[in-house]
Protein backbone atom coordinates (compact mmCIF):
# COMPACT_ATOMS: atom_id res chain seq x y z
CA VAL A 1 -23.21 -2.48 -0.35
CA GLY A 2 -20.78 -5.06 -1.60
CA ASP A 3 -17.02 -5.24 -1.42
CA HIS A 4 -16.29 -5.37 -5.14
CA GLY A 5 -17.85 -5.06 -8.56
CA LEU A 6 -17.52 -7.38 -11.52
CA GLU A 7 -14.45 -8.02 -13.58
CA GLY A 8 -15.04 -7.75 -17.27
CA ARG A 9 -15.88 -5.47 -20.13
CA SER A 10 -18.30 -2.63 -19.60
CA GLY A 11 -18.59 -1.90 -23.31
CA ARG A 12 -19.53 1.58 -24.42
CA MET A 13 -21.59 2.25 -21.30
CA TYR A 14 -18.57 3.76 -19.49
CA PRO A 15 -15.29 5.41 -20.54
CA ALA A 16 -12.31 3.18 -21.33
CA ALA A 17 -10.89 3.55 -17.79
CA TRP A 18 -13.62 1.27 -16.48
CA ASP A 19 -12.02 -1.60 -18.40
CA GLU A 20 -8.39 -0.59 -18.91
CA GLN A 21 -7.81 0.49 -15.30
CA ARG A 22 -10.19 -2.16 -13.88
CA LEU A 23 -12.65 0.31 -12.33
CA SER A 24 -15.59 -1.97 -13.12
CA GLU A 25 -14.19 -4.26 -10.39
CA GLU A 26 -14.63 -1.43 -7.88
CA HIS A 27 -18.08 -0.25 -8.97
CA VAL A 28 -20.73 -1.23 -6.42
CA PRO A 29 -23.94 0.73 -5.87
CA PHE A 30 -24.49 2.22 -2.42
CA LEU A 31 -28.21 1.93 -1.71
CA ILE A 32 -30.01 3.38 1.29
CA TYR A 33 -33.62 2.47 1.92
CA SER A 34 -35.20 4.32 4.80
CA PRO A 35 -38.35 6.19 3.75
CA GLN A 36 -38.75 7.65 7.26
CA LEU A 37 -35.24 9.16 7.23
CA ILE A 38 -34.41 10.12 3.67
CA ALA A 39 -36.37 11.15 0.59
CA PRO A 40 -35.95 9.01 -2.53
CA GLN A 41 -33.21 10.31 -4.79
CA TRP A 42 -30.66 9.24 -7.39
CA ARG A 43 -27.08 10.37 -6.78
CA SER A 44 -24.01 9.66 -8.82
CA GLU A 45 -21.06 10.89 -6.77
CA VAL A 46 -18.15 8.66 -5.80
CA VAL A 47 -18.44 7.04 -2.38
CA SER A 48 -16.63 4.21 -0.65
CA GLN A 49 -17.50 1.35 1.65
CA ILE A 50 -15.76 3.21 4.48
CA ASP A 51 -18.44 5.91 4.17
CA VAL A 52 -21.27 3.61 5.31
CA LEU A 53 -20.89 4.00 9.11
CA PRO A 54 -20.53 7.82 9.13
CA THR A 55 -23.47 8.14 6.72
CA ILE A 56 -25.80 5.94 8.78
CA ALA A 57 -24.75 7.63 12.03
CA GLY A 58 -25.48 11.00 10.41
CA MET A 59 -28.91 9.84 9.24
CA LEU A 60 -29.74 8.75 12.78
CA HIS A 61 -28.28 11.94 14.29
CA GLN A 62 -26.17 9.62 16.41
CA PRO A 63 -23.08 11.21 17.95
CA TYR A 64 -19.92 9.21 17.34
CA THR A 65 -16.16 9.61 17.17
CA ASN A 66 -14.94 8.89 13.69
CA THR A 67 -11.54 7.17 13.86
CA THR A 68 -11.69 6.15 10.20
CA LEU A 69 -11.26 7.82 6.84
CA GLY A 70 -14.98 7.55 6.03
CA ARG A 71 -17.37 10.49 5.73
CA ASN A 72 -21.08 11.15 5.82
CA VAL A 73 -21.90 11.30 2.12
CA LEU A 74 -25.26 12.97 2.83
CA ASN A 75 -23.66 15.86 4.70
CA PRO A 76 -24.14 18.97 2.53
CA ALA A 77 -20.87 20.39 3.93
CA LYS A 78 -18.70 17.68 2.38
CA LYS A 79 -16.34 19.17 -0.15
CA GLU A 80 -14.93 16.48 -2.39
CA ASN A 81 -16.10 13.10 -3.57
CA ALA A 82 -13.19 10.72 -3.77
CA ALA A 83 -12.44 7.11 -2.96
CA PHE A 84 -9.05 5.48 -2.46
CA ILE A 85 -8.28 2.37 -4.49
CA ILE A 86 -5.36 -0.02 -4.05
CA TYR A 87 -4.29 -2.99 -6.14
CA HIS A 88 -1.74 -4.71 -3.89
CA ALA A 89 -0.11 -7.19 -6.26
CA PRO A 90 0.89 -4.76 -9.03
CA GLY A 91 1.54 -1.92 -6.53
CA TRP A 92 -1.05 0.60 -7.75
CA ILE A 93 -2.55 3.19 -5.38
CA GLY A 94 -4.96 5.88 -6.49
CA VAL A 95 -8.10 7.89 -6.04
CA VAL A 96 -11.21 8.17 -8.14
CA ASN A 97 -13.41 11.24 -8.00
CA ASP A 98 -16.43 12.30 -10.01
CA ASP A 99 -14.28 13.20 -13.05
CA TYR A 100 -11.00 11.27 -13.01
CA PHE A 101 -9.16 8.19 -11.81
CA PHE A 102 -5.57 8.93 -10.84
CA ARG A 103 -3.17 6.18 -9.91
CA LYS A 104 0.54 5.73 -9.36
CA ASN A 105 2.70 2.71 -8.85
CA ILE A 106 4.57 2.55 -5.55
CA ARG A 107 7.17 0.16 -7.02
CA MET A 108 8.11 2.14 -10.12
CA GLN A 109 7.88 5.70 -11.37
CA LYS A 110 4.61 5.45 -13.25
CA GLU A 111 1.40 7.40 -12.90
CA GLU A 112 -1.68 8.07 -14.98
CA MET A 113 -4.89 10.05 -14.90
CA VAL A 114 -7.89 9.05 -16.99
CA PRO A 115 -11.48 10.34 -17.24
CA VAL A 116 -14.23 8.25 -15.63
CA ARG A 117 -17.37 9.85 -17.02
CA MET A 118 -18.87 10.82 -20.30
CA PRO A 119 -18.78 13.30 -21.76
CA VAL A 120 -15.10 13.64 -20.89
CA PRO A 121 -14.49 16.75 -18.74
CA SER A 122 -13.13 19.66 -20.77
CA TYR A 123 -10.17 21.26 -18.96
CA SER A 124 -7.17 23.17 -20.27
CA PRO A 125 -3.72 21.50 -20.02
CA SER A 126 -2.80 23.71 -17.04
CA GLN A 127 -6.08 22.80 -15.29
CA GLN A 128 -5.40 19.10 -15.94
CA ASP A 129 -1.88 19.48 -14.49
CA SER A 130 -3.35 21.08 -11.38
CA ILE A 131 -5.95 18.32 -11.05
CA ARG A 132 -3.22 15.68 -11.50
CA ARG A 133 -1.07 17.26 -8.77
CA ASN A 134 -4.01 17.50 -6.37
CA LEU A 135 -5.04 13.89 -6.97
CA SER A 136 -1.43 12.72 -6.61
CA GLU A 137 -1.15 14.53 -3.27
CA LEU A 138 -4.49 13.12 -2.11
CA THR A 139 -3.42 9.60 -3.12
CA THR A 140 -0.18 9.87 -1.14
CA ALA A 141 -1.94 11.45 1.84
CA VAL A 142 -4.58 8.73 2.10
CA TYR A 143 -2.00 5.96 1.59
CA GLU A 144 0.40 7.31 4.24
CA THR A 145 -2.43 8.12 6.68
CA SER A 146 -3.82 4.60 6.25
CA LYS A 147 -0.41 3.08 6.98
CA TRP A 148 -0.09 5.24 10.11
CA MET A 149 -3.62 4.33 11.24
CA LEU A 150 -2.90 0.61 10.92
CA MET A 151 -0.10 0.94 13.47
CA ASN A 152 -1.40 3.74 15.71
CA ASN A 153 -5.20 3.98 15.58
CA ARG A 154 -6.08 1.57 18.38
CA LYS A 155 -9.71 2.64 18.73
């Protein structure tokens, strides 16, 4: 696990969002090597660095109190793959999931949603509007919860 990817052009390997929205800077593989605990596999869902502790604790069957936003990515009961992304200087907050990257600017009324995989998901305009609303709500929820946790989560 690293804390950031590489800035630069990803070429035709990834959709345009990887360059235009700077997602290549966030792309870091999450590798787990523990032949005694987990079978070899290739997975492609979105995870975040905050998911490391809950995932390792789950692998070890170690009880713990999770006072973070992370989740056990190997838990078959998890429902959605999403990671929060913030670019402080320009004021962008957003979430990336397995299909889209949604972001909005907290300083001005601007938001966008772009596909992050190929082939581009095929949804109707009403489905895309619903996805946009859900990702916007998730973005705001994670951002506001994170702000609250900074001031109130003393554990």
